[in-house]
Amino acid sequence: MLTDGDRARGRALGQALRAARGERSQAEIARAASLSLDTLRKLEQGGTPTPGFFLIALVARELNLALDDLACAVLPTEGRRP
């Protein structure tokens, strides 16, 4: 069962991916990452609140976005180890 936190992280992930995509089209990114356009759309709209690691890795690689930077943009900072 999804929590409100899961949904919020999914929305934050979508925002981060859209921002990193910039002016490039969804179709261009989806094609280059070997994903369906529908999959990328769902990610960017927050419709996939708990996507798999390899799915995110494919998109992040195509966007030249470090996974650590993406995690910092999406995950809450409270409770993080120093």
N, C-alpha and C. Protein backbone atom coordinates (compact mmCIF):
# COMPACT_ATOMS: atom_id res chain seq x y z
N MET A 1 0.84 -1.17 0.00
CA MET A 1 0.00 0.00 0.00
C MET A 1 0.89 1.25 0.00
N LEU A 2 0.56 2.18 -0.85
CA LEU A 2 1.35 3.40 -0.97
C LEU A 2 1.00 4.39 0.15
N THR A 3 2.03 5.04 0.65
CA THR A 3 1.83 6.06 1.66
C THR A 3 1.81 7.43 1.00
N ASP A 4 1.42 8.43 1.78
CA ASP A 4 1.47 9.80 1.27
C ASP A 4 2.92 10.18 0.96
N GLY A 5 3.85 9.68 1.75
CA GLY A 5 5.27 9.94 1.50
C GLY A 5 5.73 9.34 0.18
N ASP A 6 5.26 8.13 -0.15
CA ASP A 6 5.58 7.51 -1.44
C ASP A 6 5.09 8.38 -2.58
N ARG A 7 3.86 8.85 -2.45
CA ARG A 7 3.29 9.68 -3.52
C ARG A 7 4.04 11.00 -3.65
N ALA A 8 4.40 11.59 -2.52
CA ALA A 8 5.15 12.86 -2.55
C ALA A 8 6.52 12.66 -3.20
N ARG A 9 7.19 11.57 -2.88
CA ARG A 9 8.49 11.29 -3.51
C ARG A 9 8.33 11.05 -5.00
N GLY A 10 7.25 10.38 -5.41
CA GLY A 10 7.00 10.18 -6.84
C GLY A 10 6.81 11.50 -7.57
N ARG A 11 6.07 12.42 -6.94
CA ARG A 11 5.89 13.75 -7.56
C ARG A 11 7.20 14.52 -7.62
N ALA A 12 7.99 14.44 -6.54
CA ALA A 12 9.29 15.13 -6.51
C ALA A 12 10.22 14.55 -7.57
N LEU A 13 10.19 13.25 -7.73
CA LEU A 13 11.01 12.61 -8.76
C LEU A 13 10.60 13.11 -10.14
N GLY A 14 9.31 13.16 -10.40
CA GLY A 14 8.82 13.66 -11.68
C GLY A 14 9.28 15.07 -11.96
N GLN A 15 9.19 15.93 -10.96
CA GLN A 15 9.64 17.32 -11.12
C GLN A 15 11.13 17.38 -11.43
N ALA A 16 11.92 16.58 -10.72
CA ALA A 16 13.37 16.58 -10.93
C ALA A 16 13.71 16.10 -12.34
N LEU A 17 13.02 15.08 -12.81
CA LEU A 17 13.29 14.56 -14.15
C LEU A 17 12.88 15.57 -15.22
N ARG A 18 11.74 16.21 -15.04
CA ARG A 18 11.31 17.23 -16.01
C ARG A 18 12.31 18.38 -16.06
N ALA A 19 12.77 18.81 -14.91
CA ALA A 19 13.74 19.91 -14.86
C ALA A 19 15.04 19.52 -15.55
N ALA A 20 15.50 18.30 -15.32
CA ALA A 20 16.75 17.84 -15.93
C ALA A 20 16.60 17.66 -17.44
N ARG A 21 15.40 17.33 -17.89
CA ARG A 21 15.17 17.13 -19.33
C ARG A 21 15.27 18.45 -20.08
N GLY A 22 14.89 19.55 -19.44
CA GLY A 22 14.99 20.85 -20.09
C GLY A 22 14.15 20.94 -21.34
N GLU A 23 14.77 21.36 -22.42
CA GLU A 23 14.07 21.57 -23.69
C GLU A 23 13.97 20.30 -24.53
N ARG A 24 14.64 19.25 -24.12
CA ARG A 24 14.55 18.00 -24.88
C ARG A 24 13.14 17.42 -24.75
N SER A 25 12.67 16.79 -25.78
CA SER A 25 11.31 16.24 -25.75
C SER A 25 11.28 14.92 -24.97
N GLN A 26 10.11 14.61 -24.46
CA GLN A 26 9.92 13.33 -23.79
C GLN A 26 10.21 12.18 -24.75
N ALA A 27 9.76 12.33 -25.99
CA ALA A 27 9.97 11.27 -26.97
C ALA A 27 11.45 11.02 -27.21
N GLU A 28 12.24 12.09 -27.28
CA GLU A 28 13.68 11.94 -27.49
C GLU A 28 14.33 11.19 -26.33
N ILE A 29 13.99 11.57 -25.11
CA ILE A 29 14.57 10.93 -23.93
C ILE A 29 14.12 9.48 -23.85
N ALA A 30 12.84 9.22 -24.04
CA ALA A 30 12.33 7.85 -23.97
C ALA A 30 13.02 6.96 -24.99
N ARG A 31 13.14 7.45 -26.19
CA ARG A 31 13.78 6.66 -27.26
C ARG A 31 15.25 6.38 -26.90
N ALA A 32 15.96 7.39 -26.47
CA ALA A 32 17.38 7.23 -26.15
C ALA A 32 17.60 6.31 -24.94
N ALA A 33 16.65 6.31 -24.01
CA ALA A 33 16.77 5.47 -22.81
C ALA A 33 16.13 4.09 -23.01
N SER A 34 15.63 3.83 -24.21
CA SER A 34 14.97 2.56 -24.53
C SER A 34 13.76 2.29 -23.64
N LEU A 35 12.96 3.33 -23.43
CA LEU A 35 11.72 3.24 -22.66
C LEU A 35 10.56 3.61 -23.54
N SER A 36 9.38 3.20 -23.13
CA SER A 36 8.20 3.68 -23.86
C SER A 36 7.93 5.12 -23.43
N LEU A 37 7.35 5.86 -24.33
CA LEU A 37 6.99 7.25 -24.04
C LEU A 37 6.00 7.29 -22.86
N ASP A 38 5.10 6.34 -22.81
CA ASP A 38 4.12 6.28 -21.73
C ASP A 38 4.80 6.09 -20.37
N THR A 39 5.84 5.28 -20.32
CA THR A 39 6.57 5.07 -19.07
C THR A 39 7.22 6.36 -18.60
N LEU A 40 7.87 7.07 -19.50
CA LEU A 40 8.50 8.34 -19.12
C LEU A 40 7.45 9.36 -18.69
N ARG A 41 6.34 9.42 -19.40
CA ARG A 41 5.27 10.35 -19.02
C ARG A 41 4.78 10.07 -17.60
N LYS A 42 4.57 8.79 -17.29
CA LYS A 42 4.11 8.43 -15.94
C LYS A 42 5.14 8.83 -14.89
N LEU A 43 6.41 8.61 -15.19
CA LEU A 43 7.45 9.01 -14.24
C LEU A 43 7.42 10.51 -14.00
N GLU A 44 7.36 11.28 -15.06
CA GLU A 44 7.39 12.74 -14.95
C GLU A 44 6.14 13.31 -14.30
N GLN A 45 5.03 12.60 -14.39
CA GLN A 45 3.78 13.08 -13.79
C GLN A 45 3.59 12.56 -12.37
N GLY A 46 4.55 11.79 -11.88
CA GLY A 46 4.44 11.24 -10.53
C GLY A 46 3.51 10.04 -10.46
N GLY A 47 3.17 9.48 -11.60
CA GLY A 47 2.26 8.34 -11.65
C GLY A 47 2.91 7.01 -11.33
N THR A 48 4.21 7.02 -11.12
CA THR A 48 4.94 5.82 -10.72
C THR A 48 5.68 6.18 -9.43
N PRO A 49 4.99 6.15 -8.29
CA PRO A 49 5.59 6.65 -7.05
C PRO A 49 6.77 5.84 -6.54
N THR A 50 6.85 4.57 -6.91
CA THR A 50 7.97 3.75 -6.44
C THR A 50 8.59 2.98 -7.62
N PRO A 51 9.20 3.71 -8.55
CA PRO A 51 9.78 3.05 -9.73
C PRO A 51 11.02 2.24 -9.35
N GLY A 52 11.34 1.28 -10.20
CA GLY A 52 12.51 0.44 -9.99
C GLY A 52 13.82 1.20 -10.23
N PHE A 53 14.85 0.71 -9.59
CA PHE A 53 16.17 1.33 -9.69
C PHE A 53 16.65 1.42 -11.13
N PHE A 54 16.56 0.34 -11.87
CA PHE A 54 17.13 0.34 -13.22
C PHE A 54 16.36 1.26 -14.16
N LEU A 55 15.07 1.42 -13.93
CA LEU A 55 14.29 2.37 -14.72
C LEU A 55 14.80 3.79 -14.49
N ILE A 56 14.98 4.15 -13.24
CA ILE A 56 15.49 5.48 -12.91
C ILE A 56 16.92 5.64 -13.41
N ALA A 57 17.73 4.60 -13.29
CA ALA A 57 19.11 4.68 -13.76
C ALA A 57 19.17 4.94 -15.27
N LEU A 58 18.30 4.30 -16.04
CA LEU A 58 18.28 4.53 -17.50
C LEU A 58 17.97 5.99 -17.84
N VAL A 59 16.95 6.51 -17.18
CA VAL A 59 16.56 7.90 -17.45
C VAL A 59 17.64 8.86 -16.97
N ALA A 60 18.14 8.65 -15.76
CA ALA A 60 19.17 9.53 -15.20
C ALA A 60 20.42 9.54 -16.09
N ARG A 61 20.81 8.39 -16.58
CA ARG A 61 21.99 8.33 -17.45
C ARG A 61 21.77 9.14 -18.71
N GLU A 62 20.59 9.03 -19.30
CA GLU A 62 20.31 9.78 -20.52
C GLU A 62 20.27 11.28 -20.27
N LEU A 63 19.89 11.67 -19.05
CA LEU A 63 19.81 13.09 -18.70
C LEU A 63 21.11 13.62 -18.10
N ASN A 64 22.14 12.76 -18.06
CA ASN A 64 23.42 13.13 -17.44
C ASN A 64 23.20 13.62 -16.01
N LEU A 65 22.37 12.91 -15.30
CA LEU A 65 21.99 13.26 -13.94
C LEU A 65 22.53 12.18 -13.00
N ALA A 66 23.40 12.57 -12.10
CA ALA A 66 23.97 11.61 -11.14
C ALA A 66 22.86 11.10 -10.22
N LEU A 67 22.86 9.81 -9.97
CA LEU A 67 21.84 9.23 -9.12
C LEU A 67 21.87 9.83 -7.71
N ASP A 68 23.06 10.15 -7.21
CA ASP A 68 23.17 10.76 -5.89
C ASP A 68 22.51 12.14 -5.89
N ASP A 69 22.72 12.92 -6.93
CA ASP A 69 22.09 14.23 -7.03
C ASP A 69 20.57 14.09 -7.10
N LEU A 70 20.11 13.10 -7.84
CA LEU A 70 18.68 12.86 -7.95
C LEU A 70 18.10 12.46 -6.59
N ALA A 71 18.79 11.59 -5.88
CA ALA A 71 18.33 11.17 -4.56
C ALA A 71 18.26 12.35 -3.60
N CYS A 72 19.25 13.22 -3.65
CA CYS A 72 19.25 14.40 -2.77
C CYS A 72 18.09 15.33 -3.10
N ALA A 73 17.70 15.39 -4.35
CA ALA A 73 16.60 16.26 -4.76
C ALA A 73 15.24 15.68 -4.37
N VAL A 74 15.17 14.38 -4.20
CA VAL A 74 13.88 13.72 -4.02
C VAL A 74 13.64 13.24 -2.59
N LEU A 75 14.66 12.77 -1.93
CA LEU A 75 14.49 12.18 -0.61
C LEU A 75 14.56 13.23 0.49
N PRO A 76 13.83 13.03 1.57
CA PRO A 76 13.90 13.98 2.68
C PRO A 76 15.27 13.97 3.33
N THR A 77 15.66 15.10 3.88
CA THR A 77 16.99 15.19 4.49
C THR A 77 16.97 14.88 5.98
N GLU A 78 15.81 14.97 6.64
CA GLU A 78 15.78 14.68 8.06
C GLU A 78 16.08 13.20 8.31
N GLY A 79 16.81 12.95 9.34
CA GLY A 79 17.16 11.59 9.69
C GLY A 79 18.34 11.04 8.92
N ARG A 80 18.91 11.83 8.04
CA ARG A 80 20.06 11.39 7.25
C ARG A 80 21.30 11.34 8.12
N ARG A 81 22.11 10.35 7.93
CA ARG A 81 23.37 10.24 8.68
C ARG A 81 24.35 11.29 8.20
N PRO A 82 25.15 11.83 9.13
CA PRO A 82 26.14 12.85 8.74
C PRO A 82 27.26 12.27 7.91
